[in-house]
Amino acid sequence: MSVPTEAEIRDAAQRLGLADENGYYPPGIRNKLAAAVQQAKQDQAAADDPGNWSTAEQLAAFANELAAQGIDRATAVELLLVEAARHVLRSQGLRLAPRKEATP
């Protein structure tokens, strides 16, 4: 991860209320601000990585991409659900919920 620029550090200090009206912050907190900026960049990169998304988020993103290419939204969602169900059946088999016996 790259070292944050001075502009990024000042921006963080201002957003956190640690800088004055000119954007100056106490020099003693520069390293902590830089670490906070780096952590924020890492967190954002992790959030943007589709590999970290839930299955539902990945399917929704794929449906959005299909819709952006001109495929009808309802059709895109239906196709995705059919293919997802097909994959689950092939990879895990049919799993039925246990029947609940009605109590008299």
PDB file of N, CA and C in Angstrom:
ATOM      1  N   MET A   1       0.862  -1.172   0.000  1.00  0.00           N
ATOM      2  CA  MET A   1       0.000   0.000   0.000  1.00  0.00           C
ATOM      3  C   MET A   1       0.903   1.229   0.000  1.00  0.00           C
ATOM      4  N   SER A   2       0.542   2.213  -0.809  1.00  0.00           N
ATOM      5  CA  SER A   2       1.369   3.411  -0.928  1.00  0.00           C
ATOM      6  C   SER A   2       1.195   4.339   0.276  1.00  0.00           C
ATOM      7  N   VAL A   3       2.195   5.151   0.481  1.00  0.00           N
ATOM      8  CA  VAL A   3       2.162   6.125   1.573  1.00  0.00           C
ATOM      9  C   VAL A   3       1.177   7.231   1.187  1.00  0.00           C
ATOM     10  N   PRO A   4       0.287   7.616   2.096  1.00  0.00           N
ATOM     11  CA  PRO A   4      -0.674   8.677   1.775  1.00  0.00           C
ATOM     12  C   PRO A   4       0.025  10.002   1.478  1.00  0.00           C
ATOM     13  N   THR A   5      -0.562  10.760   0.582  1.00  0.00           N
ATOM     14  CA  THR A   5      -0.014  12.077   0.270  1.00  0.00           C
ATOM     15  C   THR A   5      -0.367  13.052   1.388  1.00  0.00           C
ATOM     16  N   GLU A   6       0.332  14.172   1.393  1.00  0.00           N
ATOM     17  CA  GLU A   6       0.040  15.204   2.390  1.00  0.00           C
ATOM     18  C   GLU A   6      -1.397  15.702   2.229  1.00  0.00           C
ATOM     19  N   ALA A   7      -1.857  15.803   1.000  1.00  0.00           N
ATOM     20  CA  ALA A   7      -3.233  16.254   0.759  1.00  0.00           C
ATOM     21  C   ALA A   7      -4.244  15.273   1.353  1.00  0.00           C
ATOM     22  N   GLU A   8      -3.968  13.978   1.223  1.00  0.00           N
ATOM     23  CA  GLU A   8      -4.868  12.969   1.801  1.00  0.00           C
ATOM     24  C   GLU A   8      -4.869  13.042   3.327  1.00  0.00           C
ATOM     25  N   ILE A   9      -3.692  13.264   3.898  1.00  0.00           N
ATOM     26  CA  ILE A   9      -3.586  13.354   5.357  1.00  0.00           C
ATOM     27  C   ILE A   9      -4.323  14.597   5.861  1.00  0.00           C
ATOM     28  N   ARG A  10      -4.151  15.724   5.171  1.00  0.00           N
ATOM     29  CA  ARG A  10      -4.855  16.951   5.577  1.00  0.00           C
ATOM     30  C   ARG A  10      -6.362  16.785   5.432  1.00  0.00           C
ATOM     31  N   ASP A  11      -6.776  16.140   4.358  1.00  0.00           N
ATOM     32  CA  ASP A  11      -8.206  15.905   4.152  1.00  0.00           C
ATOM     33  C   ASP A  11      -8.778  15.064   5.290  1.00  0.00           C
ATOM     34  N   ALA A  12      -8.045  14.027   5.674  1.00  0.00           N
ATOM     35  CA  ALA A  12      -8.489  13.175   6.784  1.00  0.00           C
ATOM     36  C   ALA A  12      -8.553  13.975   8.081  1.00  0.00           C
ATOM     37  N   ALA A  13      -7.550  14.805   8.321  1.00  0.00           N
ATOM     38  CA  ALA A  13      -7.531  15.620   9.540  1.00  0.00           C
ATOM     39  C   ALA A  13      -8.728  16.568   9.569  1.00  0.00           C
ATOM     40  N   GLN A  14      -9.063  17.136   8.425  1.00  0.00           N
ATOM     41  CA  GLN A  14     -10.214  18.040   8.372  1.00  0.00           C
ATOM     42  C   GLN A  14     -11.515  17.283   8.595  1.00  0.00           C
ATOM     43  N   ARG A  15     -11.661  16.128   7.953  1.00  0.00           N
ATOM     44  CA  ARG A  15     -12.887  15.335   8.115  1.00  0.00           C
ATOM     45  C   ARG A  15     -13.059  14.862   9.555  1.00  0.00           C
ATOM     46  N   LEU A  16     -11.946  14.636  10.243  1.00  0.00           N
ATOM     47  CA  LEU A  16     -12.005  14.187  11.634  1.00  0.00           C
ATOM     48  C   LEU A  16     -12.074  15.350  12.625  1.00  0.00           C
ATOM     49  N   GLY A  17     -12.027  16.567  12.100  1.00  0.00           N
ATOM     50  CA  GLY A  17     -12.090  17.735  12.973  1.00  0.00           C
ATOM     51  C   GLY A  17     -10.798  18.001  13.723  1.00  0.00           C
ATOM     52  N   LEU A  18      -9.682  17.517  13.200  1.00  0.00           N
ATOM     53  CA  LEU A  18      -8.393  17.676  13.877  1.00  0.00           C
ATOM     54  C   LEU A  18      -7.531  18.770  13.255  1.00  0.00           C
ATOM     55  N   ALA A  19      -8.018  19.388  12.183  1.00  0.00           N
ATOM     56  CA  ALA A  19      -7.249  20.429  11.502  1.00  0.00           C
ATOM     57  C   ALA A  19      -7.909  21.786  11.740  1.00  0.00           C
ATOM     58  N   ASP A  20      -7.093  22.836  11.656  1.00  0.00           N
ATOM     59  CA  ASP A  20      -7.657  24.177  11.793  1.00  0.00           C
ATOM     60  C   ASP A  20      -8.268  24.614  10.463  1.00  0.00           C
ATOM     61  N   GLU A  21      -8.719  25.868  10.410  1.00  0.00           N
ATOM     62  CA  GLU A  21      -9.387  26.365   9.200  1.00  0.00           C
ATOM     63  C   GLU A  21      -8.469  26.403   7.984  1.00  0.00           C
ATOM     64  N   ASN A  22      -7.162  26.377   8.193  1.00  0.00           N
ATOM     65  CA  ASN A  22      -6.197  26.380   7.090  1.00  0.00           C
ATOM     66  C   ASN A  22      -5.755  24.972   6.696  1.00  0.00           C
ATOM     67  N   GLY A  23      -6.283  23.969   7.378  1.00  0.00           N
ATOM     68  CA  GLY A  23      -5.924  22.592   7.062  1.00  0.00           C
ATOM     69  C   GLY A  23      -4.714  22.080   7.815  1.00  0.00           C
ATOM     70  N   TYR A  24      -4.208  22.872   8.764  1.00  0.00           N
ATOM     71  CA  TYR A  24      -3.039  22.434   9.528  1.00  0.00           C
ATOM     72  C   TYR A  24      -3.479  21.598  10.724  1.00  0.00           C
ATOM     73  N   TYR A  25      -2.709  20.585  11.008  1.00  0.00           N
ATOM     74  CA  TYR A  25      -3.003  19.677  12.118  1.00  0.00           C
ATOM     75  C   TYR A  25      -1.752  19.569  12.990  1.00  0.00           C
ATOM     76  N   PRO A  26      -1.888  19.134  14.237  1.00  0.00           N
ATOM     77  CA  PRO A  26      -0.711  18.982  15.099  1.00  0.00           C
ATOM     78  C   PRO A  26       0.258  17.955  14.503  1.00  0.00           C
ATOM     79  N   PRO A  27       1.526  18.310  14.365  1.00  0.00           N
ATOM     80  CA  PRO A  27       2.494  17.399  13.744  1.00  0.00           C
ATOM     81  C   PRO A  27       2.610  16.055  14.454  1.00  0.00           C
ATOM     82  N   GLY A  28       2.323  16.028  15.737  1.00  0.00           N
ATOM     83  CA  GLY A  28       2.455  14.787  16.501  1.00  0.00           C
ATOM     84  C   GLY A  28       1.456  13.706  16.113  1.00  0.00           C
ATOM     85  N   ILE A  29       0.411  14.066  15.383  1.00  0.00           N
ATOM     86  CA  ILE A  29      -0.590  13.054  15.006  1.00  0.00           C
ATOM     87  C   ILE A  29      -0.480  12.637  13.538  1.00  0.00           C
ATOM     88  N   ARG A  30       0.557  13.126  12.850  1.00  0.00           N
ATOM     89  CA  ARG A  30       0.700  12.831  11.422  1.00  0.00           C
ATOM     90  C   ARG A  30       0.754  11.329  11.151  1.00  0.00           C
ATOM     91  N   ASN A  31       1.542  10.589  11.918  1.00  0.00           N
ATOM     92  CA  ASN A  31       1.671   9.146  11.687  1.00  0.00           C
ATOM     93  C   ASN A  31       0.345   8.427  11.903  1.00  0.00           C
ATOM     94  N   LYS A  32      -0.401   8.855  12.921  1.00  0.00           N
ATOM     95  CA  LYS A  32      -1.701   8.229  13.170  1.00  0.00           C
ATOM     96  C   LYS A  32      -2.683   8.551  12.049  1.00  0.00           C
ATOM     97  N   LEU A  33      -2.640   9.781  11.556  1.00  0.00           N
ATOM     98  CA  LEU A  33      -3.507  10.149  10.437  1.00  0.00           C
ATOM     99  C   LEU A  33      -3.142   9.350   9.187  1.00  0.00           C
ATOM    100  N   ALA A  34      -1.842   9.216   8.930  1.00  0.00           N
ATOM    101  CA  ALA A  34      -1.395   8.450   7.765  1.00  0.00           C
ATOM    102  C   ALA A  34      -1.848   6.997   7.873  1.00  0.00           C
ATOM    103  N   ALA A  35      -1.743   6.432   9.066  1.00  0.00           N
ATOM    104  CA  ALA A  35      -2.191   5.047   9.270  1.00  0.00           C
ATOM    105  C   ALA A  35      -3.697   4.932   9.057  1.00  0.00           C
ATOM    106  N   ALA A  36      -4.447   5.931   9.508  1.00  0.00           N
ATOM    107  CA  ALA A  36      -5.903   5.911   9.323  1.00  0.00           C
ATOM    108  C   ALA A  36      -6.264   5.991   7.846  1.00  0.00           C
ATOM    109  N   VAL A  37      -5.547   6.816   7.096  1.00  0.00           N
ATOM    110  CA  VAL A  37      -5.793   6.929   5.653  1.00  0.00           C
ATOM    111  C   VAL A  37      -5.486   5.601   4.966  1.00  0.00           C
ATOM    112  N   GLN A  38      -4.364   4.986   5.320  1.00  0.00           N
ATOM    113  CA  GLN A  38      -4.009   3.692   4.727  1.00  0.00           C
ATOM    114  C   GLN A  38      -5.053   2.633   5.060  1.00  0.00           C
ATOM    115  N   GLN A  39      -5.509   2.602   6.300  1.00  0.00           N
ATOM    116  CA  GLN A  39      -6.518   1.624   6.702  1.00  0.00           C
ATOM    117  C   GLN A  39      -7.822   1.851   5.942  1.00  0.00           C
ATOM    118  N   ALA A  40      -8.198   3.106   5.771  1.00  0.00           N
ATOM    119  CA  ALA A  40      -9.422   3.419   5.024  1.00  0.00           C
ATOM    120  C   ALA A  40      -9.306   2.947   3.578  1.00  0.00           C
ATOM    121  N   LYS A  41      -8.124   3.113   2.979  1.00  0.00           N
ATOM    122  CA  LYS A  41      -7.909   2.641   1.605  1.00  0.00           C
ATOM    123  C   LYS A  41      -8.019   1.119   1.538  1.00  0.00           C
ATOM    124  N   GLN A  42      -7.431   0.428   2.511  1.00  0.00           N
ATOM    125  CA  GLN A  42      -7.501  -1.034   2.538  1.00  0.00           C
ATOM    126  C   GLN A  42      -8.935  -1.509   2.729  1.00  0.00           C
ATOM    127  N   ASP A  43      -9.664  -0.854   3.626  1.00  0.00           N
ATOM    128  CA  ASP A  43     -11.060  -1.226   3.864  1.00  0.00           C
ATOM    129  C   ASP A  43     -11.898  -1.028   2.605  1.00  0.00           C
ATOM    130  N   GLN A  44     -11.663   0.087   1.906  1.00  0.00           N
ATOM    131  CA  GLN A  44     -12.422   0.356   0.684  1.00  0.00           C
ATOM    132  C   GLN A  44     -12.077  -0.661  -0.396  1.00  0.00           C
ATOM    133  N   ALA A  45     -10.804  -1.013  -0.512  1.00  0.00           N
ATOM    134  CA  ALA A  45     -10.397  -2.011  -1.504  1.00  0.00           C
ATOM    135  C   ALA A  45     -11.046  -3.358  -1.211  1.00  0.00           C
ATOM    136  N   ALA A  46     -11.112  -3.728   0.058  1.00  0.00           N
ATOM    137  CA  ALA A  46     -11.755  -4.992   0.434  1.00  0.00           C
ATOM    138  C   ALA A  46     -13.246  -4.953   0.130  1.00  0.00           C
ATOM    139  N   ALA A  47     -13.882  -3.820   0.386  1.00  0.00           N
ATOM    140  CA  ALA A  47     -15.320  -3.693   0.115  1.00  0.00           C
ATOM    141  C   ALA A  47     -15.608  -3.731  -1.378  1.00  0.00           C
ATOM    142  N   ASP A  48     -14.675  -3.236  -2.187  1.00  0.00           N
ATOM    143  CA  ASP A  48     -14.859  -3.213  -3.638  1.00  0.00           C
ATOM    144  C   ASP A  48     -14.537  -4.544  -4.304  1.00  0.00           C
ATOM    145  N   ASP A  49     -13.884  -5.456  -3.599  1.00  0.00           N
ATOM    146  CA  ASP A  49     -13.483  -6.742  -4.168  1.00  0.00           C
ATOM    147  C   ASP A  49     -14.681  -7.690  -4.205  1.00  0.00           C
ATOM    148  N   PRO A  50     -15.145  -8.069  -5.409  1.00  0.00           N
ATOM    149  CA  PRO A  50     -16.305  -8.964  -5.499  1.00  0.00           C
ATOM    150  C   PRO A  50     -16.104 -10.285  -4.770  1.00  0.00           C
ATOM    151  N   GLY A  51     -14.866 -10.707  -4.581  1.00  0.00           N
ATOM    152  CA  GLY A  51     -14.598 -11.951  -3.864  1.00  0.00           C
ATOM    153  C   GLY A  51     -15.025 -11.891  -2.403  1.00  0.00           C
ATOM    154  N   ASN A  52     -15.194 -10.688  -1.875  1.00  0.00           N
ATOM    155  CA  ASN A  52     -15.623 -10.523  -0.488  1.00  0.00           C
ATOM    156  C   ASN A  52     -17.126 -10.300  -0.358  1.00  0.00           C
ATOM    157  N   TRP A  53     -17.820 -10.242  -1.485  1.00  0.00           N
ATOM    158  CA  TRP A  53     -19.257  -9.993  -1.459  1.00  0.00           C
ATOM    159  C   TRP A  53     -20.011 -11.275  -1.148  1.00  0.00           C
ATOM    160  N   SER A  54     -21.208 -11.112  -0.612  1.00  0.00           N
ATOM    161  CA  SER A  54     -22.073 -12.274  -0.395  1.00  0.00           C
ATOM    162  C   SER A  54     -22.561 -12.780  -1.749  1.00  0.00           C
ATOM    163  N   THR A  55     -23.084 -13.983  -1.765  1.00  0.00           N
ATOM    164  CA  THR A  55     -23.621 -14.541  -3.005  1.00  0.00           C
ATOM    165  C   THR A  55     -24.717 -13.639  -3.553  1.00  0.00           C
ATOM    166  N   ALA A  56     -25.592 -13.166  -2.685  1.00  0.00           N
ATOM    167  CA  ALA A  56     -26.686 -12.294  -3.127  1.00  0.00           C
ATOM    168  C   ALA A  56     -26.145 -11.009  -3.751  1.00  0.00           C
ATOM    169  N   GLU A  57     -25.103 -10.438  -3.147  1.00  0.00           N
ATOM    170  CA  GLU A  57     -24.511  -9.214  -3.698  1.00  0.00           C
ATOM    171  C   GLU A  57     -23.881  -9.475  -5.063  1.00  0.00           C
ATOM    172  N   GLN A  58     -23.217 -10.624  -5.215  1.00  0.00           N
ATOM    173  CA  GLN A  58     -22.605 -10.963  -6.494  1.00  0.00           C
ATOM    174  C   GLN A  58     -23.664 -11.174  -7.570  1.00  0.00           C
ATOM    175  N   LEU A  59     -24.747 -11.883  -7.220  1.00  0.00           N
ATOM    176  CA  LEU A  59     -25.817 -12.112  -8.190  1.00  0.00           C
ATOM    177  C   LEU A  59     -26.500 -10.800  -8.569  1.00  0.00           C
ATOM    178  N   ALA A  60     -26.708  -9.925  -7.594  1.00  0.00           N
ATOM    179  CA  ALA A  60     -27.329  -8.630  -7.882  1.00  0.00           C
ATOM    180  C   ALA A  60     -26.440  -7.792  -8.797  1.00  0.00           C
ATOM    181  N   ALA A  61     -25.139  -7.810  -8.549  1.00  0.00           N
ATOM    182  CA  ALA A  61     -24.212  -7.065  -9.401  1.00  0.00           C
ATOM    183  C   ALA A  61     -24.228  -7.620 -10.821  1.00  0.00           C
ATOM    184  N   PHE A  62     -24.279  -8.940 -10.934  1.00  0.00           N
ATOM    185  CA  PHE A  62     -24.325  -9.564 -12.254  1.00  0.00           C
ATOM    186  C   PHE A  62     -25.625  -9.204 -12.965  1.00  0.00           C
ATOM    187  N   ALA A  63     -26.738  -9.223 -12.244  1.00  0.00           N
ATOM    188  CA  ALA A  63     -28.026  -8.839 -12.833  1.00  0.00           C
ATOM    189  C   ALA A  63     -27.982  -7.387 -13.301  1.00  0.00           C
ATOM    190  N   ASN A  64     -27.354  -6.524 -12.517  1.00  0.00           N
ATOM    191  CA  ASN A  64     -27.220  -5.118 -12.910  1.00  0.00           C
ATOM    192  C   ASN A  64     -26.383  -4.973 -14.175  1.00  0.00           C
ATOM    193  N   GLU A  65     -25.312  -5.767 -14.277  1.00  0.00           N
ATOM    194  CA  GLU A  65     -24.473  -5.721 -15.472  1.00  0.00           C
ATOM    195  C   GLU A  65     -25.248  -6.185 -16.700  1.00  0.00           C
ATOM    196  N   LEU A  66     -26.044  -7.249 -16.545  1.00  0.00           N
ATOM    197  CA  LEU A  66     -26.851  -7.727 -17.662  1.00  0.00           C
ATOM    198  C   LEU A  66     -27.882  -6.681 -18.073  1.00  0.00           C
ATOM    199  N   ALA A  67     -28.521  -6.066 -17.091  1.00  0.00           N
ATOM    200  CA  ALA A  67     -29.512  -5.029 -17.387  1.00  0.00           C
ATOM    201  C   ALA A  67     -28.854  -3.836 -18.081  1.00  0.00           C
ATOM    202  N   ALA A  68     -27.632  -3.500 -17.680  1.00  0.00           N
ATOM    203  CA  ALA A  68     -26.915  -2.391 -18.309  1.00  0.00           C
ATOM    204  C   ALA A  68     -26.592  -2.690 -19.768  1.00  0.00           C
ATOM    205  N   GLN A  69     -26.523  -3.970 -20.108  1.00  0.00           N
ATOM    206  CA  GLN A  69     -26.254  -4.372 -21.488  1.00  0.00           C
ATOM    207  C   GLN A  69     -27.537  -4.491 -22.311  1.00  0.00           C
ATOM    208  N   GLY A  70     -28.670  -4.130 -21.700  1.00  0.00           N
ATOM    209  CA  GLY A  70     -29.918  -4.109 -22.445  1.00  0.00           C
ATOM    210  C   GLY A  70     -30.826  -5.301 -22.231  1.00  0.00           C
ATOM    211  N   ILE A  71     -30.428  -6.233 -21.386  1.00  0.00           N
ATOM    212  CA  ILE A  71     -31.285  -7.384 -21.103  1.00  0.00           C
ATOM    213  C   ILE A  71     -32.338  -6.948 -20.091  1.00  0.00           C
ATOM    214  N   ASP A  72     -33.586  -7.329 -20.352  1.00  0.00           N
ATOM    215  CA  ASP A  72     -34.679  -6.995 -19.449  1.00  0.00           C
ATOM    216  C   ASP A  72     -34.333  -7.445 -18.037  1.00  0.00           C
ATOM    217  N   ARG A  73     -34.555  -6.568 -17.060  1.00  0.00           N
ATOM    218  CA  ARG A  73     -34.175  -6.839 -15.666  1.00  0.00           C
ATOM    219  C   ARG A  73     -34.836  -8.110 -15.133  1.00  0.00           C
ATOM    220  N   ALA A  74     -36.130  -8.263 -15.360  1.00  0.00           N
ATOM    221  CA  ALA A  74     -36.839  -9.450 -14.860  1.00  0.00           C
ATOM    222  C   ALA A  74     -36.288 -10.714 -15.506  1.00  0.00           C
ATOM    223  N   THR A  75     -35.980 -10.646 -16.781  1.00  0.00           N
ATOM    224  CA  THR A  75     -35.411 -11.801 -17.481  1.00  0.00           C
ATOM    225  C   THR A  75     -34.027 -12.127 -16.926  1.00  0.00           C
ATOM    226  N   ALA A  76     -33.220 -11.106 -16.686  1.00  0.00           N
ATOM    227  CA  ALA A  76     -31.873 -11.319 -16.147  1.00  0.00           C
ATOM    228  C   ALA A  76     -31.940 -11.988 -14.780  1.00  0.00           C
ATOM    229  N   VAL A  77     -32.830 -11.511 -13.918  1.00  0.00           N
ATOM    230  CA  VAL A  77     -32.963 -12.087 -12.580  1.00  0.00           C
ATOM    231  C   VAL A  77     -33.441 -13.529 -12.673  1.00  0.00           C
ATOM    232  N   GLU A  78     -34.410 -13.782 -13.537  1.00  0.00           N
ATOM    233  CA  GLU A  78     -34.924 -15.149 -13.695  1.00  0.00           C
ATOM    234  C   GLU A  78     -33.827 -16.092 -14.188  1.00  0.00           C
ATOM    235  N   LEU A  79     -33.070 -15.663 -15.178  1.00  0.00           N
ATOM    236  CA  LEU A  79     -31.981 -16.500 -15.699  1.00  0.00           C
ATOM    237  C   LEU A  79     -30.934 -16.784 -14.624  1.00  0.00           C
ATOM    238  N   LEU A  80     -30.593 -15.778 -13.843  1.00  0.00           N
ATOM    239  CA  LEU A  80     -29.607 -15.972 -12.778  1.00  0.00           C
ATOM    240  C   LEU A  80     -30.106 -16.949 -11.724  1.00  0.00           C
ATOM    241  N   LEU A  81     -31.363 -16.823 -11.332  1.00  0.00           N
ATOM    242  CA  LEU A  81     -31.906 -17.732 -10.321  1.00  0.00           C
ATOM    243  C   LEU A  81     -31.971 -19.163 -10.836  1.00  0.00           C
ATOM    244  N   VAL A  82     -32.345 -19.335 -12.091  1.00  0.00           N
ATOM    245  CA  VAL A  82     -32.398 -20.681 -12.670  1.00  0.00           C
ATOM    246  C   VAL A  82     -31.009 -21.299 -12.682  1.00  0.00           C
ATOM    247  N   GLU A  83     -30.013 -20.541 -13.121  1.00  0.00           N
ATOM    248  CA  GLU A  83     -28.649 -21.074 -13.178  1.00  0.00           C
ATOM    249  C   GLU A  83     -28.087 -21.320 -11.781  1.00  0.00           C
ATOM    250  N   ALA A  84     -28.393 -20.443 -10.837  1.00  0.00           N
ATOM    251  CA  ALA A  84     -27.927 -20.650  -9.463  1.00  0.00           C
ATOM    252  C   ALA A  84     -28.555 -21.910  -8.876  1.00  0.00           C
ATOM    253  N   ALA A  85     -29.853 -22.104  -9.106  1.00  0.00           N
ATOM    254  CA  ALA A  85     -30.530 -23.307  -8.605  1.00  0.00           C
ATOM    255  C   ALA A  85     -29.941 -24.556  -9.249  1.00  0.00           C
ATOM    256  N   ARG A  86     -29.677 -24.496 -10.544  1.00  0.00           N
ATOM    257  CA  ARG A  86     -29.084 -25.639 -11.249  1.00  0.00           C
ATOM    258  C   ARG A  86     -27.721 -25.984 -10.646  1.00  0.00           C
ATOM    259  N   HIS A  87     -26.921 -24.967 -10.382  1.00  0.00           N
ATOM    260  CA  HIS A  87     -25.593 -25.199  -9.801  1.00  0.00           C
ATOM    261  C   HIS A  87     -25.705 -25.826  -8.409  1.00  0.00           C
ATOM    262  N   VAL A  88     -26.606 -25.292  -7.581  1.00  0.00           N
ATOM    263  CA  VAL A  88     -26.770 -25.826  -6.224  1.00  0.00           C
ATOM    264  C   VAL A  88     -27.218 -27.281  -6.279  1.00  0.00           C
ATOM    265  N   LEU A  89     -28.160 -27.601  -7.151  1.00  0.00           N
ATOM    266  CA  LEU A  89     -28.625 -28.987  -7.267  1.00  0.00           C
ATOM    267  C   LEU A  89     -27.504 -29.916  -7.709  1.00  0.00           C
ATOM    268  N   ARG A  90     -26.695 -29.472  -8.662  1.00  0.00           N
ATOM    269  CA  ARG A  90     -25.592 -30.314  -9.147  1.00  0.00           C
ATOM    270  C   ARG A  90     -24.503 -30.478  -8.091  1.00  0.00           C
ATOM    271  N   SER A  91     -24.190 -29.407  -7.380  1.00  0.00           N
ATOM    272  CA  SER A  91     -23.067 -29.467  -6.450  1.00  0.00           C
ATOM    273  C   SER A  91     -23.445 -30.010  -5.076  1.00  0.00           C
ATOM    274  N   GLN A  92     -24.696 -29.825  -4.656  1.00  0.00           N
ATOM    275  CA  GLN A  92     -25.081 -30.235  -3.310  1.00  0.00           C
ATOM    276  C   GLN A  92     -26.219 -31.238  -3.283  1.00  0.00           C
ATOM    277  N   GLY A  93     -26.874 -31.419  -4.389  1.00  0.00           N
ATOM    278  CA  GLY A  93     -28.029 -32.306  -4.408  1.00  0.00           C
ATOM    279  C   GLY A  93     -29.242 -31.625  -3.800  1.00  0.00           C
ATOM    280  N   LEU A  94     -30.347 -32.313  -3.857  1.00  0.00           N
ATOM    281  CA  LEU A  94     -31.586 -31.771  -3.314  1.00  0.00           C
ATOM    282  C   LEU A  94     -31.611 -31.987  -1.810  1.00  0.00           C
ATOM    283  N   ARG A  95     -31.775 -30.930  -1.079  1.00  0.00           N
ATOM    284  CA  ARG A  95     -31.853 -31.010   0.384  1.00  0.00           C
ATOM    285  C   ARG A  95     -33.227 -30.511   0.802  1.00  0.00           C
ATOM    286  N   LEU A  96     -34.017 -31.405   1.300  1.00  0.00           N
ATOM    287  CA  LEU A  96     -35.352 -31.040   1.743  1.00  0.00           C
ATOM    288  C   LEU A  96     -35.332 -30.703   3.222  1.00  0.00           C
ATOM    289  N   ALA A  97     -36.144 -29.751   3.598  1.00  0.00           N
ATOM    290  CA  ALA A  97     -36.265 -29.407   5.013  1.00  0.00           C
ATOM    291  C   ALA A  97     -37.000 -30.540   5.709  1.00  0.00           C
ATOM    292  N   PRO A  98     -36.606 -30.862   6.934  1.00  0.00           N
ATOM    293  CA  PRO A  98     -37.308 -31.927   7.650  1.00  0.00           C
ATOM    294  C   PRO A  98     -38.773 -31.542   7.839  1.00  0.00           C
ATOM    295  N   ARG A  99     -39.615 -32.538   7.706  1.00  0.00           N
ATOM    296  CA  ARG A  99     -41.049 -32.287   7.880  1.00  0.00           C
ATOM    297  C   ARG A  99     -41.349 -32.091   9.350  1.00  0.00           C
ATOM    298  N   LYS A 100     -42.188 -31.146   9.598  1.00  0.00           N
ATOM    299  CA  LYS A 100     -42.634 -30.910  10.970  1.00  0.00           C
ATOM    300  C   LYS A 100     -43.974 -31.609  11.132  1.00  0.00           C
ATOM    301  N   GLU A 101     -44.017 -32.499  12.082  1.00  0.00           N
ATOM    302  CA  GLU A 101     -45.255 -33.235  12.337  1.00  0.00           C
ATOM    303  C   GLU A 101     -46.237 -32.331  13.065  1.00  0.00           C
ATOM    304  N   ALA A 102     -47.439 -32.361  12.593  1.00  0.00           N
ATOM    305  CA  ALA A 102     -48.484 -31.586  13.262  1.00  0.00           C
ATOM    306  C   ALA A 102     -48.828 -32.274  14.573  1.00  0.00           C
ATOM    307  N   THR A 103     -48.884 -31.513  15.612  1.00  0.00           N
ATOM    308  CA  THR A 103     -49.232 -32.100  16.913  1.00  0.00           C
ATOM    309  C   THR A 103     -50.738 -31.994  17.117  1.00  0.00           C
ATOM    310  N   PRO A 104     -51.350 -33.108  17.542  1.00  0.00           N
ATOM    311  CA  PRO A 104     -52.812 -33.082  17.728  1.00  0.00           C
ATOM    312  C   PRO A 104     -53.229 -32.275  18.930  1.00  0.00           C
TER     313      PRO A 104
END
